[in-house]
mmCIF file of all heavy atoms, coordinates in Angstrom:
data_MODEL
# 
_entry.id   MODEL 
# 
loop_
_atom_site.group_PDB 
_atom_site.id 
_atom_site.type_symbol 
_atom_site.label_atom_id 
_atom_site.label_alt_id 
_atom_site.label_comp_id 
_atom_site.label_asym_id 
_atom_site.label_entity_id 
_atom_site.label_seq_id 
_atom_site.pdbx_PDB_ins_code 
_atom_site.Cartn_x 
_atom_site.Cartn_y 
_atom_site.Cartn_z 
_atom_site.occupancy 
_atom_site.B_iso_or_equiv 
_atom_site.pdbx_formal_charge 
_atom_site.auth_seq_id 
_atom_site.auth_comp_id 
_atom_site.auth_asym_id 
_atom_site.auth_atom_id 
_atom_site.pdbx_PDB_model_num 
ATOM 1   N N   . VAL A 1 1  ? -19.621 0.165   14.416  1.00 0.00 ? 1  VAL A N   1 
ATOM 2   C CA  . VAL A 1 1  ? -19.005 0.850   15.539  1.00 0.00 ? 1  VAL A CA  1 
ATOM 3   C C   . VAL A 1 1  ? -17.909 1.742   14.972  1.00 0.00 ? 1  VAL A C   1 
ATOM 4   O O   . VAL A 1 1  ? -16.920 1.243   14.426  1.00 0.00 ? 1  VAL A O   1 
ATOM 5   C CB  . VAL A 1 1  ? -18.405 -0.152  16.553  1.00 0.00 ? 1  VAL A CB  1 
ATOM 6   C CG1 . VAL A 1 1  ? -17.742 0.583   17.699  1.00 0.00 ? 1  VAL A CG1 1 
ATOM 7   C CG2 . VAL A 1 1  ? -19.477 -1.095  17.044  1.00 0.00 ? 1  VAL A CG2 1 
ATOM 8   N N   . PRO A 1 2  ? -18.066 3.045   15.060  1.00 0.00 ? 2  PRO A N   1 
ATOM 9   C CA  . PRO A 1 2  ? -17.026 3.921   14.512  1.00 0.00 ? 2  PRO A CA  1 
ATOM 10  C C   . PRO A 1 2  ? -15.760 3.861   15.364  1.00 0.00 ? 2  PRO A C   1 
ATOM 11  O O   . PRO A 1 2  ? -15.814 3.636   16.574  1.00 0.00 ? 2  PRO A O   1 
ATOM 12  C CB  . PRO A 1 2  ? -17.671 5.304   14.564  1.00 0.00 ? 2  PRO A CB  1 
ATOM 13  C CG  . PRO A 1 2  ? -18.703 5.204   15.614  1.00 0.00 ? 2  PRO A CG  1 
ATOM 14  C CD  . PRO A 1 2  ? -19.182 3.786   15.612  1.00 0.00 ? 2  PRO A CD  1 
ATOM 15  N N   . LEU A 1 3  ? -14.644 4.048   14.721  1.00 0.00 ? 3  LEU A N   1 
ATOM 16  C CA  . LEU A 1 3  ? -13.375 4.034   15.429  1.00 0.00 ? 3  LEU A CA  1 
ATOM 17  C C   . LEU A 1 3  ? -13.229 5.307   16.249  1.00 0.00 ? 3  LEU A C   1 
ATOM 18  O O   . LEU A 1 3  ? -13.709 6.376   15.880  1.00 0.00 ? 3  LEU A O   1 
ATOM 19  C CB  . LEU A 1 3  ? -12.222 3.935   14.440  1.00 0.00 ? 3  LEU A CB  1 
ATOM 20  C CG  . LEU A 1 3  ? -12.147 2.643   13.638  1.00 0.00 ? 3  LEU A CG  1 
ATOM 21  C CD1 . LEU A 1 3  ? -11.041 2.727   12.608  1.00 0.00 ? 3  LEU A CD1 1 
ATOM 22  C CD2 . LEU A 1 3  ? -11.882 1.476   14.568  1.00 0.00 ? 3  LEU A CD2 1 
ATOM 23  N N   . ALA A 1 4  ? -12.555 5.194   17.371  1.00 0.00 ? 4  ALA A N   1 
ATOM 24  C CA  . ALA A 1 4  ? -12.368 6.351   18.233  1.00 0.00 ? 4  ALA A CA  1 
ATOM 25  C C   . ALA A 1 4  ? -11.313 7.291   17.664  1.00 0.00 ? 4  ALA A C   1 
ATOM 26  O O   . ALA A 1 4  ? -11.341 8.488   17.910  1.00 0.00 ? 4  ALA A O   1 
ATOM 27  C CB  . ALA A 1 4  ? -11.966 5.899   19.630  1.00 0.00 ? 4  ALA A CB  1 
ATOM 28  N N   . LYS A 1 5  ? -10.375 6.774   16.909  1.00 0.00 ? 5  LYS A N   1 
ATOM 29  C CA  . LYS A 1 5  ? -9.358  7.628   16.315  1.00 0.00 ? 5  LYS A CA  1 
ATOM 30  C C   . LYS A 1 5  ? -9.257  7.302   14.834  1.00 0.00 ? 5  LYS A C   1 
ATOM 31  O O   . LYS A 1 5  ? -9.634  6.226   14.376  1.00 0.00 ? 5  LYS A O   1 
ATOM 32  C CB  . LYS A 1 5  ? -8.013  7.431   16.994  1.00 0.00 ? 5  LYS A CB  1 
ATOM 33  C CG  . LYS A 1 5  ? -7.469  6.024   16.867  1.00 0.00 ? 5  LYS A CG  1 
ATOM 34  C CD  . LYS A 1 5  ? -6.138  5.890   17.545  1.00 0.00 ? 5  LYS A CD  1 
ATOM 35  C CE  . LYS A 1 5  ? -5.600  4.475   17.338  1.00 0.00 ? 5  LYS A CE  1 
ATOM 36  N NZ  . LYS A 1 5  ? -4.281  4.316   17.876  1.00 0.00 ? 5  LYS A NZ  1 
ATOM 37  N N   . VAL A 1 6  ? -8.716  8.239   14.114  1.00 0.00 ? 6  VAL A N   1 
ATOM 38  C CA  . VAL A 1 6  ? -8.572  8.082   12.673  1.00 0.00 ? 6  VAL A CA  1 
ATOM 39  C C   . VAL A 1 6  ? -7.284  7.320   12.394  1.00 0.00 ? 6  VAL A C   1 
ATOM 40  O O   . VAL A 1 6  ? -6.224  7.669   12.919  1.00 0.00 ? 6  VAL A O   1 
ATOM 41  C CB  . VAL A 1 6  ? -8.546  9.457   11.972  1.00 0.00 ? 6  VAL A CB  1 
ATOM 42  C CG1 . VAL A 1 6  ? -8.306  9.297   10.495  1.00 0.00 ? 6  VAL A CG1 1 
ATOM 43  C CG2 . VAL A 1 6  ? -9.831  10.196  12.245  1.00 0.00 ? 6  VAL A CG2 1 
ATOM 44  N N   . VAL A 1 7  ? -7.378  6.294   11.612  1.00 0.00 ? 7  VAL A N   1 
ATOM 45  C CA  . VAL A 1 7  ? -6.210  5.504   11.248  1.00 0.00 ? 7  VAL A CA  1 
ATOM 46  C C   . VAL A 1 7  ? -5.838  5.880   9.824   1.00 0.00 ? 7  VAL A C   1 
ATOM 47  O O   . VAL A 1 7  ? -6.644  5.760   8.902   1.00 0.00 ? 7  VAL A O   1 
ATOM 48  C CB  . VAL A 1 7  ? -6.517  3.989   11.351  1.00 0.00 ? 7  VAL A CB  1 
ATOM 49  C CG1 . VAL A 1 7  ? -5.326  3.178   10.903  1.00 0.00 ? 7  VAL A CG1 1 
ATOM 50  C CG2 . VAL A 1 7  ? -6.930  3.641   12.760  1.00 0.00 ? 7  VAL A CG2 1 
ATOM 51  N N   . ASP A 1 8  ? -4.609  6.353   9.673   1.00 0.00 ? 8  ASP A N   1 
ATOM 52  C CA  . ASP A 1 8  ? -4.138  6.768   8.353   1.00 0.00 ? 8  ASP A CA  1 
ATOM 53  C C   . ASP A 1 8  ? -3.282  5.644   7.782   1.00 0.00 ? 8  ASP A C   1 
ATOM 54  O O   . ASP A 1 8  ? -2.224  5.318   8.331   1.00 0.00 ? 8  ASP A O   1 
ATOM 55  C CB  . ASP A 1 8  ? -3.337  8.065   8.477   1.00 0.00 ? 8  ASP A CB  1 
ATOM 56  C CG  . ASP A 1 8  ? -2.982  8.629   7.124   1.00 0.00 ? 8  ASP A CG  1 
ATOM 57  O OD1 . ASP A 1 8  ? -3.664  8.268   6.137   1.00 0.00 ? 8  ASP A OD1 1 
ATOM 58  O OD2 . ASP A 1 8  ? -2.023  9.429   7.048   1.00 0.00 ? 8  ASP A OD2 1 
ATOM 59  N N   . ILE A 1 9  ? -3.737  5.054   6.729   1.00 0.00 ? 9  ILE A N   1 
ATOM 60  C CA  . ILE A 1 9  ? -3.014  3.961   6.089   1.00 0.00 ? 9  ILE A CA  1 
ATOM 61  C C   . ILE A 1 9  ? -2.287  4.533   4.891   1.00 0.00 ? 9  ILE A C   1 
ATOM 62  O O   . ILE A 1 9  ? -2.902  5.080   3.974   1.00 0.00 ? 9  ILE A O   1 
ATOM 63  C CB  . ILE A 1 9  ? -3.975  2.841   5.658   1.00 0.00 ? 9  ILE A CB  1 
ATOM 64  C CG1 . ILE A 1 9  ? -4.683  2.282   6.875   1.00 0.00 ? 9  ILE A CG1 1 
ATOM 65  C CG2 . ILE A 1 9  ? -3.215  1.747   4.924   1.00 0.00 ? 9  ILE A CG2 1 
ATOM 66  C CD1 . ILE A 1 9  ? -5.748  1.273   6.546   1.00 0.00 ? 9  ILE A CD1 1 
ATOM 67  N N   . LYS A 1 10 ? -0.956  4.437   4.942   1.00 0.00 ? 10 LYS A N   1 
ATOM 68  C CA  . LYS A 1 10 ? -0.142  4.963   3.848   1.00 0.00 ? 10 LYS A CA  1 
ATOM 69  C C   . LYS A 1 10 ? 0.229   3.831   2.908   1.00 0.00 ? 10 LYS A C   1 
ATOM 70  O O   . LYS A 1 10 ? 0.519   2.716   3.341   1.00 0.00 ? 10 LYS A O   1 
ATOM 71  C CB  . LYS A 1 10 ? 1.114   5.624   4.395   1.00 0.00 ? 10 LYS A CB  1 
ATOM 72  C CG  . LYS A 1 10 ? 0.809   6.845   5.239   1.00 0.00 ? 10 LYS A CG  1 
ATOM 73  C CD  . LYS A 1 10 ? 2.077   7.465   5.749   1.00 0.00 ? 10 LYS A CD  1 
ATOM 74  C CE  . LYS A 1 10 ? 1.729   8.670   6.611   1.00 0.00 ? 10 LYS A CE  1 
ATOM 75  N NZ  . LYS A 1 10 ? 2.912   9.284   7.187   1.00 0.00 ? 10 LYS A NZ  1 
ATOM 76  N N   . ALA A 1 11 ? 0.236   4.155   1.655   1.00 0.00 ? 11 ALA A N   1 
ATOM 77  C CA  . ALA A 1 11 ? 0.597   3.158   0.659   1.00 0.00 ? 11 ALA A CA  1 
ATOM 78  C C   . ALA A 1 11 ? 2.109   2.946   0.692   1.00 0.00 ? 11 ALA A C   1 
ATOM 79  O O   . ALA A 1 11 ? 2.889   3.902   0.732   1.00 0.00 ? 11 ALA A O   1 
ATOM 80  C CB  . ALA A 1 11 ? 0.160   3.601   -0.725  1.00 0.00 ? 11 ALA A CB  1 
ATOM 81  N N   . VAL A 1 12 ? 2.528   1.709   0.704   1.00 0.00 ? 12 VAL A N   1 
ATOM 82  C CA  . VAL A 1 12 ? 3.944   1.379   0.711   1.00 0.00 ? 12 VAL A CA  1 
ATOM 83  C C   . VAL A 1 12 ? 4.382   1.198   -0.725  1.00 0.00 ? 12 VAL A C   1 
ATOM 84  O O   . VAL A 1 12 ? 3.778   0.440   -1.482  1.00 0.00 ? 12 VAL A O   1 
ATOM 85  C CB  . VAL A 1 12 ? 4.192   0.093   1.526   1.00 0.00 ? 12 VAL A CB  1 
ATOM 86  C CG1 . VAL A 1 12 ? 5.665   -0.280  1.503   1.00 0.00 ? 12 VAL A CG1 1 
ATOM 87  C CG2 . VAL A 1 12 ? 3.707   0.273   2.944   1.00 0.00 ? 12 VAL A CG2 1 
ATOM 88  N N   . THR A 1 13 ? 5.431   1.916   -1.095  1.00 0.00 ? 13 THR A N   1 
ATOM 89  C CA  . THR A 1 13 ? 5.947   1.773   -2.456  1.00 0.00 ? 13 THR A CA  1 
ATOM 90  C C   . THR A 1 13 ? 7.221   0.959   -2.410  1.00 0.00 ? 13 THR A C   1 
ATOM 91  O O   . THR A 1 13 ? 8.082   1.167   -1.537  1.00 0.00 ? 13 THR A O   1 
ATOM 92  C CB  . THR A 1 13 ? 6.220   3.150   -3.073  1.00 0.00 ? 13 THR A CB  1 
ATOM 93  O OG1 . THR A 1 13 ? 7.143   3.856   -2.249  1.00 0.00 ? 13 THR A OG1 1 
ATOM 94  C CG2 . THR A 1 13 ? 4.936   3.955   -3.194  1.00 0.00 ? 13 THR A CG2 1 
ATOM 95  N N   . TYR A 1 14 ? 7.327   0.061   -3.293  1.00 0.00 ? 14 TYR A N   1 
ATOM 96  C CA  . TYR A 1 14 ? 8.510   -0.789  -3.386  1.00 0.00 ? 14 TYR A CA  1 
ATOM 97  C C   . TYR A 1 14 ? 9.296   -0.383  -4.618  1.00 0.00 ? 14 TYR A C   1 
ATOM 98  O O   . TYR A 1 14 ? 8.736   -0.116  -5.681  1.00 0.00 ? 14 TYR A O   1 
ATOM 99  C CB  . TYR A 1 14 ? 8.109   -2.268  -3.497  1.00 0.00 ? 14 TYR A CB  1 
ATOM 100 C CG  . TYR A 1 14 ? 7.398   -2.786  -2.273  1.00 0.00 ? 14 TYR A CG  1 
ATOM 101 C CD1 . TYR A 1 14 ? 6.029   -2.962  -2.261  1.00 0.00 ? 14 TYR A CD1 1 
ATOM 102 C CD2 . TYR A 1 14 ? 8.113   -3.093  -1.128  1.00 0.00 ? 14 TYR A CD2 1 
ATOM 103 C CE1 . TYR A 1 14 ? 5.386   -3.439  -1.133  1.00 0.00 ? 14 TYR A CE1 1 
ATOM 104 C CE2 . TYR A 1 14 ? 7.472   -3.572  -0.007  1.00 0.00 ? 14 TYR A CE2 1 
ATOM 105 C CZ  . TYR A 1 14 ? 6.110   -3.741  -0.014  1.00 0.00 ? 14 TYR A CZ  1 
ATOM 106 O OH  . TYR A 1 14 ? 5.474   -4.212  1.096   1.00 0.00 ? 14 TYR A OH  1 
ATOM 107 N N   . GLU A 1 15 ? 10.627  -0.364  -4.446  1.00 0.00 ? 15 GLU A N   1 
ATOM 108 C CA  . GLU A 1 15 ? 11.475  -0.073  -5.596  1.00 0.00 ? 15 GLU A CA  1 
ATOM 109 C C   . GLU A 1 15 ? 11.704  -1.369  -6.354  1.00 0.00 ? 15 GLU A C   1 
ATOM 110 O O   . GLU A 1 15 ? 11.841  -2.443  -5.750  1.00 0.00 ? 15 GLU A O   1 
ATOM 111 C CB  . GLU A 1 15 ? 12.799  0.505   -5.121  1.00 0.00 ? 15 GLU A CB  1 
ATOM 112 C CG  . GLU A 1 15 ? 12.635  1.851   -4.453  1.00 0.00 ? 15 GLU A CG  1 
ATOM 113 C CD  . GLU A 1 15 ? 13.970  2.423   -4.019  1.00 0.00 ? 15 GLU A CD  1 
ATOM 114 O OE1 . GLU A 1 15 ? 15.014  1.971   -4.522  1.00 0.00 ? 15 GLU A OE1 1 
ATOM 115 O OE2 . GLU A 1 15 ? 13.950  3.312   -3.173  1.00 0.00 ? 15 GLU A OE2 1 
ATOM 116 N N   . PRO A 1 16 ? 11.760  -1.288  -7.675  1.00 0.00 ? 16 PRO A N   1 
ATOM 117 C CA  . PRO A 1 16 ? 11.965  -2.521  -8.443  1.00 0.00 ? 16 PRO A CA  1 
ATOM 118 C C   . PRO A 1 16 ? 13.373  -3.078  -8.203  1.00 0.00 ? 16 PRO A C   1 
ATOM 119 O O   . PRO A 1 16 ? 14.336  -2.350  -8.034  1.00 0.00 ? 16 PRO A O   1 
ATOM 120 C CB  . PRO A 1 16 ? 11.776  -2.080  -9.885  1.00 0.00 ? 16 PRO A CB  1 
ATOM 121 C CG  . PRO A 1 16 ? 11.996  -0.615  -9.879  1.00 0.00 ? 16 PRO A CG  1 
ATOM 122 C CD  . PRO A 1 16 ? 11.616  -0.121  -8.514  1.00 0.00 ? 16 PRO A CD  1 
ATOM 123 N N   . VAL A 1 17 ? 13.447  -4.386  -8.158  1.00 0.00 ? 17 VAL A N   1 
ATOM 124 C CA  . VAL A 1 17 ? 14.722  -5.078  -7.950  1.00 0.00 ? 17 VAL A CA  1 
ATOM 125 C C   . VAL A 1 17 ? 15.212  -5.535  -9.312  1.00 0.00 ? 17 VAL A C   1 
ATOM 126 O O   . VAL A 1 17 ? 14.506  -6.223  -10.048 1.00 0.00 ? 17 VAL A O   1 
ATOM 127 C CB  . VAL A 1 17 ? 14.526  -6.283  -7.002  1.00 0.00 ? 17 VAL A CB  1 
ATOM 128 C CG1 . VAL A 1 17 ? 15.822  -7.062  -6.836  1.00 0.00 ? 17 VAL A CG1 1 
ATOM 129 C CG2 . VAL A 1 17 ? 13.995  -5.817  -5.672  1.00 0.00 ? 17 VAL A CG2 1 
ATOM 130 N N   . ASN A 1 18 ? 16.423  -5.131  -9.626  1.00 0.00 ? 18 ASN A N   1 
ATOM 131 C CA  . ASN A 1 18 ? 17.012  -5.535  -10.907 1.00 0.00 ? 18 ASN A CA  1 
ATOM 132 C C   . ASN A 1 18 ? 17.812  -6.818  -10.694 1.00 0.00 ? 18 ASN A C   1 
ATOM 133 O O   . ASN A 1 18 ? 18.762  -6.848  -9.905  1.00 0.00 ? 18 ASN A O   1 
ATOM 134 C CB  . ASN A 1 18 ? 17.929  -4.444  -11.450 1.00 0.00 ? 18 ASN A CB  1 
ATOM 135 C CG  . ASN A 1 18 ? 17.139  -3.207  -11.833 1.00 0.00 ? 18 ASN A CG  1 
ATOM 136 O OD1 . ASN A 1 18 ? 15.994  -3.315  -12.252 1.00 0.00 ? 18 ASN A OD1 1 
ATOM 137 N ND2 . ASN A 1 18 ? 17.742  -2.032  -11.681 1.00 0.00 ? 18 ASN A ND2 1 
ATOM 138 N N   . LEU A 1 19 ? 17.409  -7.858  -11.343 1.00 0.00 ? 19 LEU A N   1 
ATOM 139 C CA  . LEU A 1 19 ? 18.117  -9.133  -11.265 1.00 0.00 ? 19 LEU A CA  1 
ATOM 140 C C   . LEU A 1 19 ? 18.954  -9.297  -12.522 1.00 0.00 ? 19 LEU A C   1 
ATOM 141 O O   . LEU A 1 19 ? 18.460  -9.067  -13.637 1.00 0.00 ? 19 LEU A O   1 
ATOM 142 C CB  . LEU A 1 19 ? 17.124  -10.286 -11.135 1.00 0.00 ? 19 LEU A CB  1 
ATOM 143 C CG  . LEU A 1 19 ? 16.264  -10.288 -9.873  1.00 0.00 ? 19 LEU A CG  1 
ATOM 144 C CD1 . LEU A 1 19 ? 15.263  -11.421 -9.936  1.00 0.00 ? 19 LEU A CD1 1 
ATOM 145 C CD2 . LEU A 1 19 ? 17.119  -10.430 -8.635  1.00 0.00 ? 19 LEU A CD2 1 
ATOM 146 N N   . HIS A 1 20 ? 20.195  -9.680  -12.329 1.00 0.00 ? 20 HIS A N   1 
ATOM 147 C CA  . HIS A 1 20 ? 21.105  -9.859  -13.469 1.00 0.00 ? 20 HIS A CA  1 
ATOM 148 C C   . HIS A 1 20 ? 21.368  -11.354 -13.630 1.00 0.00 ? 20 HIS A C   1 
ATOM 149 O O   . HIS A 1 20 ? 22.023  -11.971 -12.792 1.00 0.00 ? 20 HIS A O   1 
ATOM 150 C CB  . HIS A 1 20 ? 22.418  -9.108  -13.234 1.00 0.00 ? 20 HIS A CB  1 
ATOM 151 C CG  . HIS A 1 20 ? 22.222  -7.636  -13.067 1.00 0.00 ? 20 HIS A CG  1 
ATOM 152 N ND1 . HIS A 1 20 ? 21.900  -6.806  -14.117 1.00 0.00 ? 20 HIS A ND1 1 
ATOM 153 C CD2 . HIS A 1 20 ? 22.261  -6.835  -11.960 1.00 0.00 ? 20 HIS A CD2 1 
ATOM 154 C CE1 . HIS A 1 20 ? 21.780  -5.568  -13.681 1.00 0.00 ? 20 HIS A CE1 1 
ATOM 155 N NE2 . HIS A 1 20 ? 21.984  -5.557  -12.365 1.00 0.00 ? 20 HIS A NE2 1 
ATOM 156 N N   . TYR A 1 21 ? 20.806  -11.902 -14.667 1.00 0.00 ? 21 TYR A N   1 
ATOM 157 C CA  . TYR A 1 21 ? 21.017  -13.308 -14.967 1.00 0.00 ? 21 TYR A CA  1 
ATOM 158 C C   . TYR A 1 21 ? 22.209  -13.427 -15.908 1.00 0.00 ? 21 TYR A C   1 
ATOM 159 O O   . TYR A 1 21 ? 22.420  -12.561 -16.768 1.00 0.00 ? 21 TYR A O   1 
ATOM 160 C CB  . TYR A 1 21 ? 19.771  -13.909 -15.623 1.00 0.00 ? 21 TYR A CB  1 
ATOM 161 C CG  . TYR A 1 21 ? 18.575  -13.947 -14.697 1.00 0.00 ? 21 TYR A CG  1 
ATOM 162 C CD1 . TYR A 1 21 ? 17.525  -13.049 -14.844 1.00 0.00 ? 21 TYR A CD1 1 
ATOM 163 C CD2 . TYR A 1 21 ? 18.510  -14.875 -13.676 1.00 0.00 ? 21 TYR A CD2 1 
ATOM 164 C CE1 . TYR A 1 21 ? 16.430  -13.081 -13.996 1.00 0.00 ? 21 TYR A CE1 1 
ATOM 165 C CE2 . TYR A 1 21 ? 17.424  -14.914 -12.818 1.00 0.00 ? 21 TYR A CE2 1 
ATOM 166 C CZ  . TYR A 1 21 ? 16.392  -14.016 -12.984 1.00 0.00 ? 21 TYR A CZ  1 
ATOM 167 O OH  . TYR A 1 21 ? 15.327  -14.056 -12.142 1.00 0.00 ? 21 TYR A OH  1 
ATOM 168 N N   . PRO A 1 22 ? 22.956  -14.505 -15.762 1.00 0.00 ? 22 PRO A N   1 
ATOM 169 C CA  . PRO A 1 22 ? 24.108  -14.655 -16.688 1.00 0.00 ? 22 PRO A CA  1 
ATOM 170 C C   . PRO A 1 22 ? 23.610  -14.941 -18.104 1.00 0.00 ? 22 PRO A C   1 
ATOM 171 O O   . PRO A 1 22 ? 22.594  -15.596 -18.305 1.00 0.00 ? 22 PRO A O   1 
ATOM 172 C CB  . PRO A 1 22 ? 24.878  -15.847 -16.120 1.00 0.00 ? 22 PRO A CB  1 
ATOM 173 C CG  . PRO A 1 22 ? 23.868  -16.594 -15.317 1.00 0.00 ? 22 PRO A CG  1 
ATOM 174 C CD  . PRO A 1 22 ? 22.895  -15.582 -14.812 1.00 0.00 ? 22 PRO A CD  1 
ATOM 175 N N   . VAL A 1 23 ? 24.326  -14.384 -19.038 1.00 0.00 ? 23 VAL A N   1 
ATOM 176 C CA  . VAL A 1 23 ? 23.979  -14.593 -20.444 1.00 0.00 ? 23 VAL A CA  1 
ATOM 177 C C   . VAL A 1 23 ? 24.563  -15.938 -20.863 1.00 0.00 ? 23 VAL A C   1 
ATOM 178 O O   . VAL A 1 23 ? 25.751  -16.177 -20.730 1.00 0.00 ? 23 VAL A O   1 
ATOM 179 C CB  . VAL A 1 23 ? 24.542  -13.458 -21.322 1.00 0.00 ? 23 VAL A CB  1 
ATOM 180 C CG1 . VAL A 1 23 ? 24.209  -13.705 -22.782 1.00 0.00 ? 23 VAL A CG1 1 
ATOM 181 C CG2 . VAL A 1 23 ? 23.999  -12.125 -20.854 1.00 0.00 ? 23 VAL A CG2 1 
ATOM 182 N N   . LEU A 1 24 ? 23.725  -16.807 -21.345 1.00 0.00 ? 24 LEU A N   1 
ATOM 183 C CA  . LEU A 1 24 ? 24.170  -18.137 -21.748 1.00 0.00 ? 24 LEU A CA  1 
ATOM 184 C C   . LEU A 1 24 ? 24.509  -18.128 -23.230 1.00 0.00 ? 24 LEU A C   1 
ATOM 185 O O   . LEU A 1 24 ? 23.740  -17.644 -24.053 1.00 0.00 ? 24 LEU A O   1 
ATOM 186 C CB  . LEU A 1 24 ? 23.081  -19.164 -21.454 1.00 0.00 ? 24 LEU A CB  1 
ATOM 187 C CG  . LEU A 1 24 ? 22.695  -19.328 -19.982 1.00 0.00 ? 24 LEU A CG  1 
ATOM 188 C CD1 . LEU A 1 24 ? 21.555  -20.315 -19.850 1.00 0.00 ? 24 LEU A CD1 1 
ATOM 189 C CD2 . LEU A 1 24 ? 23.872  -19.785 -19.158 1.00 0.00 ? 24 LEU A CD2 1 
ATOM 190 N N   . LYS A 1 25 ? 25.649  -18.662 -23.522 1.00 0.00 ? 25 LYS A N   1 
ATOM 191 C CA  . LYS A 1 25 ? 26.065  -18.775 -24.915 1.00 0.00 ? 25 LYS A CA  1 
ATOM 192 C C   . LYS A 1 25 ? 25.985  -20.246 -25.303 1.00 0.00 ? 25 LYS A C   1 
ATOM 193 O O   . LYS A 1 25 ? 25.971  -21.129 -24.450 1.00 0.00 ? 25 LYS A O   1 
ATOM 194 C CB  . LYS A 1 25 ? 27.481  -18.250 -25.087 1.00 0.00 ? 25 LYS A CB  1 
ATOM 195 C CG  . LYS A 1 25 ? 27.589  -16.803 -24.631 1.00 0.00 ? 25 LYS A CG  1 
ATOM 196 C CD  . LYS A 1 25 ? 28.755  -16.153 -25.279 1.00 0.00 ? 25 LYS A CD  1 
ATOM 197 C CE  . LYS A 1 25 ? 28.947  -14.793 -24.712 1.00 0.00 ? 25 LYS A CE  1 
ATOM 198 N NZ  . LYS A 1 25 ? 28.689  -13.674 -25.121 1.00 0.00 ? 25 LYS A NZ  1 
ATOM 199 N N   . ASP A 1 26 ? 25.946  -20.486 -26.563 1.00 0.00 ? 26 ASP A N   1 
ATOM 200 C CA  . ASP A 1 26 ? 25.788  -21.867 -27.025 1.00 0.00 ? 26 ASP A CA  1 
ATOM 201 C C   . ASP A 1 26 ? 26.932  -22.769 -26.571 1.00 0.00 ? 26 ASP A C   1 
ATOM 202 O O   . ASP A 1 26 ? 26.729  -23.936 -26.263 1.00 0.00 ? 26 ASP A O   1 
ATOM 203 C CB  . ASP A 1 26 ? 25.693  -21.901 -28.547 1.00 0.00 ? 26 ASP A CB  1 
ATOM 204 C CG  . ASP A 1 26 ? 24.363  -21.365 -29.030 1.00 0.00 ? 26 ASP A CG  1 
ATOM 205 O OD1 . ASP A 1 26 ? 23.437  -21.273 -28.194 1.00 0.00 ? 26 ASP A OD1 1 
ATOM 206 O OD2 . ASP A 1 26 ? 24.229  -21.016 -30.208 1.00 0.00 ? 26 ASP A OD2 1 
ATOM 207 N N   . HIS A 1 27 ? 28.170  -22.273 -26.544 1.00 0.00 ? 27 HIS A N   1 
ATOM 208 C CA  . HIS A 1 27 ? 29.280  -23.140 -26.168 1.00 0.00 ? 27 HIS A CA  1 
ATOM 209 C C   . HIS A 1 27 ? 29.315  -23.401 -24.664 1.00 0.00 ? 27 HIS A C   1 
ATOM 210 O O   . HIS A 1 27 ? 30.034  -24.272 -24.211 1.00 0.00 ? 27 HIS A O   1 
ATOM 211 C CB  . HIS A 1 27 ? 30.620  -22.547 -26.656 1.00 0.00 ? 27 HIS A CB  1 
ATOM 212 C CG  . HIS A 1 27 ? 30.993  -21.258 -25.984 1.00 0.00 ? 27 HIS A CG  1 
ATOM 213 N ND1 . HIS A 1 27 ? 30.494  -20.051 -26.397 1.00 0.00 ? 27 HIS A ND1 1 
ATOM 214 C CD2 . HIS A 1 27 ? 31.812  -21.010 -24.929 1.00 0.00 ? 27 HIS A CD2 1 
ATOM 215 C CE1 . HIS A 1 27 ? 30.986  -19.090 -25.625 1.00 0.00 ? 27 HIS A CE1 1 
ATOM 216 N NE2 . HIS A 1 27 ? 31.791  -19.656 -24.732 1.00 0.00 ? 27 HIS A NE2 1 
ATOM 217 N N   . ASN A 1 28 ? 28.546  -22.637 -23.848 1.00 0.00 ? 28 ASN A N   1 
ATOM 218 C CA  . ASN A 1 28 ? 28.496  -22.883 -22.413 1.00 0.00 ? 28 ASN A CA  1 
ATOM 219 C C   . ASN A 1 28 ? 27.392  -23.873 -22.019 1.00 0.00 ? 28 ASN A C   1 
ATOM 220 O O   . ASN A 1 28 ? 27.371  -24.325 -20.875 1.00 0.00 ? 28 ASN A O   1 
ATOM 221 C CB  . ASN A 1 28 ? 28.252  -21.585 -21.647 1.00 0.00 ? 28 ASN A CB  1 
ATOM 222 C CG  . ASN A 1 28 ? 29.445  -20.652 -21.695 1.00 0.00 ? 28 ASN A CG  1 
ATOM 223 O OD1 . ASN A 1 28 ? 30.572  -21.091 -21.888 1.00 0.00 ? 28 ASN A OD1 1 
ATOM 224 N ND2 . ASN A 1 28 ? 29.182  -19.367 -21.517 1.00 0.00 ? 28 ASN A ND2 1 
# 
């Protein structure tokens, strides 16, 4: 069954998330 109207599906782009983990040192 063809659709009565054209559905335009746009690609969603996600921006990368920068996660900052604490730097662990040996004495910590």
